Amino acid sequence: MPDVAEARAFFQKLLGFEHLEDKGGALSVLKDEDGFILIVSNFGRTAVFPEYPREFHLGLSLASPAEVDEMEARLQAAGSLPEHGPARIRGGYTFSFRAFGCVLLEFTSYGGA
């Protein structure tokens, strides 16, 4: 991540992650309500965006299409614009956006209508 503090704040505020600890400003450990541990880091402490393969992404599963719509609305309200709005794709209801200028985040529900 180009900015560990920005990424930590994003995951806490918009996705409900709990901040567990920081290590020297180069690494932040977070946990979601299901116990998933997410570590964001920038060991080079550089603002240069890493180049990930085009298909590389972090996929997050939500319980229902309504939760997908709610997440998109929250992200838009925070100034994050999706690459495409929610749509039925690959058997799920999904949208994605590029976070921090480098990582594609995808939110999908395979549940209900």
N, C-alpha and C. Protein backbone atom coordinates (compact mmCIF):
# COMPACT_ATOMS: atom_id res chain seq x y z
N MET A 1 0.84 -1.17 0.00
CA MET A 1 0.00 0.00 0.00
C MET A 1 0.89 1.24 0.00
N PRO A 2 0.54 2.19 -0.82
CA PRO A 2 1.31 3.42 -0.81
C PRO A 2 1.26 4.13 0.55
N ASP A 3 0.09 4.10 1.24
CA ASP A 3 -0.06 4.79 2.52
C ASP A 3 -0.77 3.85 3.49
N VAL A 4 -0.01 3.26 4.41
CA VAL A 4 -0.55 2.27 5.34
C VAL A 4 -1.64 2.88 6.22
N ALA A 5 -1.43 4.09 6.72
CA ALA A 5 -2.42 4.74 7.58
C ALA A 5 -3.74 4.97 6.84
N GLU A 6 -3.66 5.38 5.58
CA GLU A 6 -4.87 5.59 4.78
C GLU A 6 -5.61 4.27 4.57
N ALA A 7 -4.87 3.22 4.26
CA ALA A 7 -5.49 1.92 4.05
C ALA A 7 -6.13 1.41 5.33
N ARG A 8 -5.43 1.57 6.47
CA ARG A 8 -5.98 1.15 7.75
C ARG A 8 -7.28 1.89 8.05
N ALA A 9 -7.30 3.19 7.86
CA ALA A 9 -8.51 3.99 8.11
C ALA A 9 -9.65 3.56 7.20
N PHE A 10 -9.35 3.28 5.94
CA PHE A 10 -10.36 2.83 4.99
C PHE A 10 -11.00 1.53 5.46
N PHE A 11 -10.17 0.54 5.78
CA PHE A 11 -10.70 -0.76 6.18
C PHE A 11 -11.45 -0.68 7.51
N GLN A 12 -11.02 0.20 8.39
CA GLN A 12 -11.74 0.37 9.66
C GLN A 12 -13.08 1.07 9.44
N LYS A 13 -13.05 2.21 8.81
CA LYS A 13 -14.24 3.05 8.69
C LYS A 13 -15.29 2.45 7.75
N LEU A 14 -14.87 2.00 6.59
CA LEU A 14 -15.84 1.57 5.59
C LEU A 14 -16.14 0.08 5.63
N LEU A 15 -15.23 -0.73 6.16
CA LEU A 15 -15.45 -2.17 6.13
C LEU A 15 -15.55 -2.79 7.51
N GLY A 16 -15.41 -1.98 8.56
CA GLY A 16 -15.61 -2.47 9.91
C GLY A 16 -14.49 -3.30 10.49
N PHE A 17 -13.29 -3.22 9.92
CA PHE A 17 -12.17 -3.98 10.48
C PHE A 17 -11.74 -3.36 11.80
N GLU A 18 -11.27 -4.21 12.71
CA GLU A 18 -10.71 -3.77 13.98
C GLU A 18 -9.20 -3.65 13.83
N HIS A 19 -8.63 -2.55 14.31
CA HIS A 19 -7.19 -2.35 14.26
C HIS A 19 -6.56 -3.10 15.44
N LEU A 20 -5.66 -4.02 15.15
CA LEU A 20 -5.00 -4.79 16.21
C LEU A 20 -3.67 -4.18 16.62
N GLU A 21 -2.83 -3.86 15.62
CA GLU A 21 -1.54 -3.28 15.95
C GLU A 21 -0.84 -2.73 14.72
N ASP A 22 0.09 -1.82 14.96
CA ASP A 22 0.99 -1.30 13.93
C ASP A 22 2.40 -1.75 14.27
N LYS A 23 3.21 -1.83 13.25
CA LYS A 23 4.62 -2.18 13.45
C LYS A 23 5.46 -1.15 12.71
N GLY A 24 5.89 -0.16 13.44
CA GLY A 24 6.81 0.82 12.88
C GLY A 24 6.27 1.68 11.77
N GLY A 25 4.98 1.77 11.60
CA GLY A 25 4.40 2.58 10.54
C GLY A 25 4.44 1.93 9.17
N ALA A 26 5.12 0.80 9.05
CA ALA A 26 5.23 0.13 7.75
C ALA A 26 4.25 -1.02 7.61
N LEU A 27 3.57 -1.38 8.71
CA LEU A 27 2.68 -2.53 8.67
C LEU A 27 1.55 -2.31 9.68
N SER A 28 0.34 -2.65 9.26
CA SER A 28 -0.82 -2.55 10.15
C SER A 28 -1.60 -3.85 10.07
N VAL A 29 -1.97 -4.37 11.24
CA VAL A 29 -2.70 -5.63 11.33
C VAL A 29 -4.15 -5.32 11.71
N LEU A 30 -5.08 -5.87 10.91
CA LEU A 30 -6.51 -5.64 11.09
C LEU A 30 -7.23 -6.97 11.15
N LYS A 31 -8.43 -6.97 11.76
CA LYS A 31 -9.23 -8.19 11.84
C LYS A 31 -10.69 -7.83 11.61
N ASP A 32 -11.39 -8.67 10.82
CA ASP A 32 -12.82 -8.42 10.63
C ASP A 32 -13.63 -9.23 11.65
N GLU A 33 -14.94 -9.06 11.62
CA GLU A 33 -15.81 -9.70 12.63
C GLU A 33 -15.81 -11.22 12.55
N ASP A 34 -15.38 -11.78 11.41
CA ASP A 34 -15.30 -13.23 11.27
C ASP A 34 -13.93 -13.79 11.65
N GLY A 35 -13.02 -12.89 12.04
CA GLY A 35 -11.70 -13.34 12.43
C GLY A 35 -10.67 -13.31 11.32
N PHE A 36 -11.06 -12.84 10.12
CA PHE A 36 -10.12 -12.73 9.00
C PHE A 36 -9.07 -11.67 9.33
N ILE A 37 -7.82 -12.04 9.24
CA ILE A 37 -6.72 -11.11 9.51
C ILE A 37 -6.25 -10.52 8.18
N LEU A 38 -6.18 -9.20 8.13
CA LEU A 38 -5.69 -8.47 6.96
C LEU A 38 -4.48 -7.66 7.39
N ILE A 39 -3.39 -7.82 6.68
CA ILE A 39 -2.19 -7.05 6.96
C ILE A 39 -1.91 -6.15 5.77
N VAL A 40 -1.84 -4.86 6.03
CA VAL A 40 -1.47 -3.91 4.98
C VAL A 40 -0.07 -3.40 5.30
N SER A 41 0.75 -3.29 4.26
CA SER A 41 2.14 -2.93 4.53
C SER A 41 2.73 -2.11 3.39
N ASN A 42 3.81 -1.46 3.73
CA ASN A 42 4.64 -0.75 2.77
C ASN A 42 6.04 -0.71 3.37
N PHE A 43 6.77 -1.78 3.17
CA PHE A 43 8.08 -1.89 3.79
C PHE A 43 9.10 -0.94 3.18
N GLY A 44 8.88 -0.56 1.92
CA GLY A 44 9.79 0.41 1.29
C GLY A 44 9.45 1.83 1.68
N ARG A 45 8.27 2.00 2.32
CA ARG A 45 7.80 3.32 2.75
C ARG A 45 7.88 4.33 1.61
N THR A 46 7.37 3.90 0.48
CA THR A 46 7.38 4.76 -0.70
C THR A 46 5.95 5.01 -1.15
N ALA A 47 5.73 6.16 -1.76
CA ALA A 47 4.40 6.50 -2.27
C ALA A 47 4.18 5.95 -3.67
N VAL A 48 5.14 5.23 -4.19
CA VAL A 48 5.00 4.65 -5.53
C VAL A 48 4.00 3.51 -5.48
N PHE A 49 3.04 3.52 -6.40
CA PHE A 49 2.04 2.47 -6.45
C PHE A 49 2.66 1.19 -6.99
N PRO A 50 2.45 0.08 -6.30
CA PRO A 50 2.94 -1.19 -6.85
C PRO A 50 2.15 -1.57 -8.09
N GLU A 51 2.77 -2.33 -8.96
CA GLU A 51 2.07 -2.80 -10.15
C GLU A 51 1.69 -4.26 -9.95
N TYR A 52 0.39 -4.50 -9.82
CA TYR A 52 -0.12 -5.84 -9.65
C TYR A 52 -0.59 -6.37 -11.01
N PRO A 53 -0.62 -7.68 -11.19
CA PRO A 53 -1.20 -8.22 -12.43
C PRO A 53 -2.63 -7.71 -12.60
N ARG A 54 -3.05 -7.51 -13.83
CA ARG A 54 -4.36 -6.92 -14.12
C ARG A 54 -5.50 -7.60 -13.38
N GLU A 55 -5.49 -8.92 -13.27
CA GLU A 55 -6.59 -9.65 -12.64
C GLU A 55 -6.47 -9.76 -11.13
N PHE A 56 -5.36 -9.32 -10.56
CA PHE A 56 -5.18 -9.41 -9.12
C PHE A 56 -6.23 -8.56 -8.41
N HIS A 57 -6.89 -9.14 -7.43
CA HIS A 57 -7.88 -8.37 -6.67
C HIS A 57 -8.10 -9.01 -5.30
N LEU A 58 -8.71 -8.23 -4.43
CA LEU A 58 -9.13 -8.71 -3.13
C LEU A 58 -10.65 -8.80 -3.19
N GLY A 59 -11.18 -10.02 -3.10
CA GLY A 59 -12.62 -10.23 -3.18
C GLY A 59 -13.22 -10.36 -1.79
N LEU A 60 -14.28 -9.62 -1.56
CA LEU A 60 -14.96 -9.64 -0.27
C LEU A 60 -16.39 -10.09 -0.49
N SER A 61 -16.80 -11.09 0.28
CA SER A 61 -18.13 -11.67 0.13
C SER A 61 -19.11 -11.00 1.10
N LEU A 62 -20.25 -10.59 0.57
CA LEU A 62 -21.31 -10.00 1.38
C LEU A 62 -22.52 -10.93 1.35
N ALA A 63 -23.36 -10.84 2.36
CA ALA A 63 -24.44 -11.81 2.54
C ALA A 63 -25.57 -11.68 1.53
N SER A 64 -25.82 -10.47 1.03
CA SER A 64 -26.98 -10.29 0.16
C SER A 64 -26.71 -9.19 -0.87
N PRO A 65 -27.48 -9.19 -1.96
CA PRO A 65 -27.38 -8.10 -2.92
C PRO A 65 -27.65 -6.73 -2.28
N ALA A 66 -28.53 -6.69 -1.31
CA ALA A 66 -28.80 -5.41 -0.63
C ALA A 66 -27.53 -4.90 0.06
N GLU A 67 -26.74 -5.80 0.64
CA GLU A 67 -25.49 -5.39 1.27
C GLU A 67 -24.49 -4.88 0.24
N VAL A 68 -24.50 -5.48 -0.95
CA VAL A 68 -23.63 -5.00 -2.03
C VAL A 68 -24.03 -3.57 -2.40
N ASP A 69 -25.33 -3.33 -2.56
CA ASP A 69 -25.81 -1.98 -2.88
C ASP A 69 -25.45 -0.99 -1.78
N GLU A 70 -25.60 -1.40 -0.53
CA GLU A 70 -25.26 -0.54 0.61
C GLU A 70 -23.77 -0.20 0.62
N MET A 71 -22.93 -1.19 0.33
CA MET A 71 -21.49 -0.95 0.30
C MET A 71 -21.12 0.02 -0.82
N GLU A 72 -21.73 -0.16 -1.98
CA GLU A 72 -21.44 0.76 -3.08
C GLU A 72 -21.83 2.18 -2.69
N ALA A 73 -22.99 2.35 -2.06
CA ALA A 73 -23.45 3.67 -1.64
C ALA A 73 -22.48 4.28 -0.62
N ARG A 74 -22.01 3.47 0.33
CA ARG A 74 -21.05 3.98 1.33
C ARG A 74 -19.75 4.41 0.68
N LEU A 75 -19.27 3.61 -0.25
CA LEU A 75 -18.01 3.95 -0.92
C LEU A 75 -18.16 5.21 -1.76
N GLN A 76 -19.29 5.32 -2.47
CA GLN A 76 -19.51 6.54 -3.26
C GLN A 76 -19.60 7.76 -2.36
N ALA A 77 -20.27 7.63 -1.22
CA ALA A 77 -20.38 8.75 -0.28
C ALA A 77 -19.01 9.16 0.25
N ALA A 78 -18.08 8.21 0.33
CA ALA A 78 -16.73 8.49 0.80
C ALA A 78 -15.81 8.95 -0.34
N GLY A 79 -16.35 9.05 -1.56
CA GLY A 79 -15.56 9.53 -2.69
C GLY A 79 -14.87 8.45 -3.50
N SER A 80 -15.15 7.19 -3.22
CA SER A 80 -14.56 6.09 -3.99
C SER A 80 -15.55 5.66 -5.06
N LEU A 81 -15.14 5.77 -6.31
CA LEU A 81 -16.05 5.45 -7.40
C LEU A 81 -15.78 4.06 -7.94
N PRO A 82 -16.82 3.25 -8.07
CA PRO A 82 -16.63 1.89 -8.59
C PRO A 82 -16.25 1.90 -10.06
N GLU A 83 -15.52 0.87 -10.47
CA GLU A 83 -15.18 0.72 -11.89
C GLU A 83 -16.43 0.38 -12.69
N HIS A 84 -17.35 -0.31 -12.05
CA HIS A 84 -18.67 -0.56 -12.65
C HIS A 84 -19.66 -0.70 -11.50
N GLY A 85 -20.90 -0.31 -11.73
CA GLY A 85 -21.92 -0.43 -10.71
C GLY A 85 -22.28 -1.88 -10.48
N PRO A 86 -23.02 -2.16 -9.41
CA PRO A 86 -23.40 -3.55 -9.14
C PRO A 86 -24.14 -4.17 -10.33
N ALA A 87 -23.78 -5.39 -10.62
CA ALA A 87 -24.39 -6.12 -11.74
C ALA A 87 -24.27 -7.62 -11.47
N ARG A 88 -25.08 -8.38 -12.14
CA ARG A 88 -25.00 -9.84 -12.06
C ARG A 88 -23.86 -10.30 -12.96
N ILE A 89 -22.83 -10.88 -12.33
CA ILE A 89 -21.65 -11.34 -13.06
C ILE A 89 -21.19 -12.66 -12.44
N ARG A 90 -20.87 -13.64 -13.27
CA ARG A 90 -20.33 -14.93 -12.82
C ARG A 90 -21.13 -15.56 -11.68
N GLY A 91 -22.45 -15.46 -11.75
CA GLY A 91 -23.31 -16.10 -10.76
C GLY A 91 -23.50 -15.33 -9.47
N GLY A 92 -22.97 -14.12 -9.40
CA GLY A 92 -23.13 -13.31 -8.20
C GLY A 92 -23.55 -11.90 -8.57
N TYR A 93 -23.80 -11.12 -7.56
CA TYR A 93 -24.13 -9.70 -7.71
C TYR A 93 -22.92 -8.95 -7.19
N THR A 94 -22.26 -8.16 -8.05
CA THR A 94 -20.93 -7.68 -7.72
C THR A 94 -20.64 -6.28 -8.25
N PHE A 95 -19.68 -5.61 -7.63
CA PHE A 95 -19.06 -4.41 -8.19
C PHE A 95 -17.62 -4.37 -7.71
N SER A 96 -16.82 -3.56 -8.38
CA SER A 96 -15.42 -3.44 -7.98
C SER A 96 -14.96 -2.00 -8.15
N PHE A 97 -13.88 -1.68 -7.45
CA PHE A 97 -13.24 -0.38 -7.63
C PHE A 97 -11.78 -0.50 -7.25
N ARG A 98 -10.98 0.42 -7.74
CA ARG A 98 -9.55 0.41 -7.48
C ARG A 98 -9.27 1.28 -6.25
N ALA A 99 -8.80 0.64 -5.21
CA ALA A 99 -8.52 1.34 -3.95
C ALA A 99 -7.06 1.75 -3.89
N PHE A 100 -6.82 2.90 -3.32
CA PHE A 100 -5.46 3.38 -3.08
C PHE A 100 -4.66 3.51 -4.37
N GLY A 101 -5.35 3.55 -5.50
CA GLY A 101 -4.69 3.68 -6.79
C GLY A 101 -4.00 2.43 -7.29
N CYS A 102 -4.17 1.29 -6.57
CA CYS A 102 -3.39 0.13 -6.99
C CYS A 102 -4.07 -1.22 -6.80
N VAL A 103 -4.99 -1.36 -5.87
CA VAL A 103 -5.57 -2.68 -5.58
C VAL A 103 -7.04 -2.70 -5.97
N LEU A 104 -7.42 -3.68 -6.77
CA LEU A 104 -8.81 -3.83 -7.16
C LEU A 104 -9.55 -4.57 -6.04
N LEU A 105 -10.58 -3.93 -5.49
CA LEU A 105 -11.43 -4.56 -4.48
C LEU A 105 -12.75 -4.91 -5.14
N GLU A 106 -13.21 -6.13 -4.90
CA GLU A 106 -14.46 -6.61 -5.49
C GLU A 106 -15.38 -7.06 -4.37
N PHE A 107 -16.62 -6.60 -4.40
CA PHE A 107 -17.64 -6.96 -3.42
C PHE A 107 -18.71 -7.78 -4.13
N THR A 108 -18.97 -8.98 -3.62
CA THR A 108 -19.91 -9.89 -4.30
C THR A 108 -20.81 -10.57 -3.29
N SER A 109 -22.07 -10.77 -3.70
CA SER A 109 -22.99 -11.61 -2.95
C SER A 109 -23.45 -12.74 -3.86
N TYR A 110 -23.40 -13.93 -3.34
CA TYR A 110 -23.96 -15.08 -4.05
C TYR A 110 -25.27 -15.50 -3.42
N GLY A 111 -25.78 -14.67 -2.51
CA GLY A 111 -27.02 -14.98 -1.82
C GLY A 111 -28.22 -14.34 -2.47
N GLY A 112 -29.39 -14.68 -1.98
CA GLY A 112 -30.71 -14.15 -2.33
C GLY A 112 -30.84 -13.30 -3.56
N ALA A 113 -32.06 -12.81 -3.75
CA ALA A 113 -32.43 -12.05 -4.94
C ALA A 113 -31.81 -10.73 -4.98
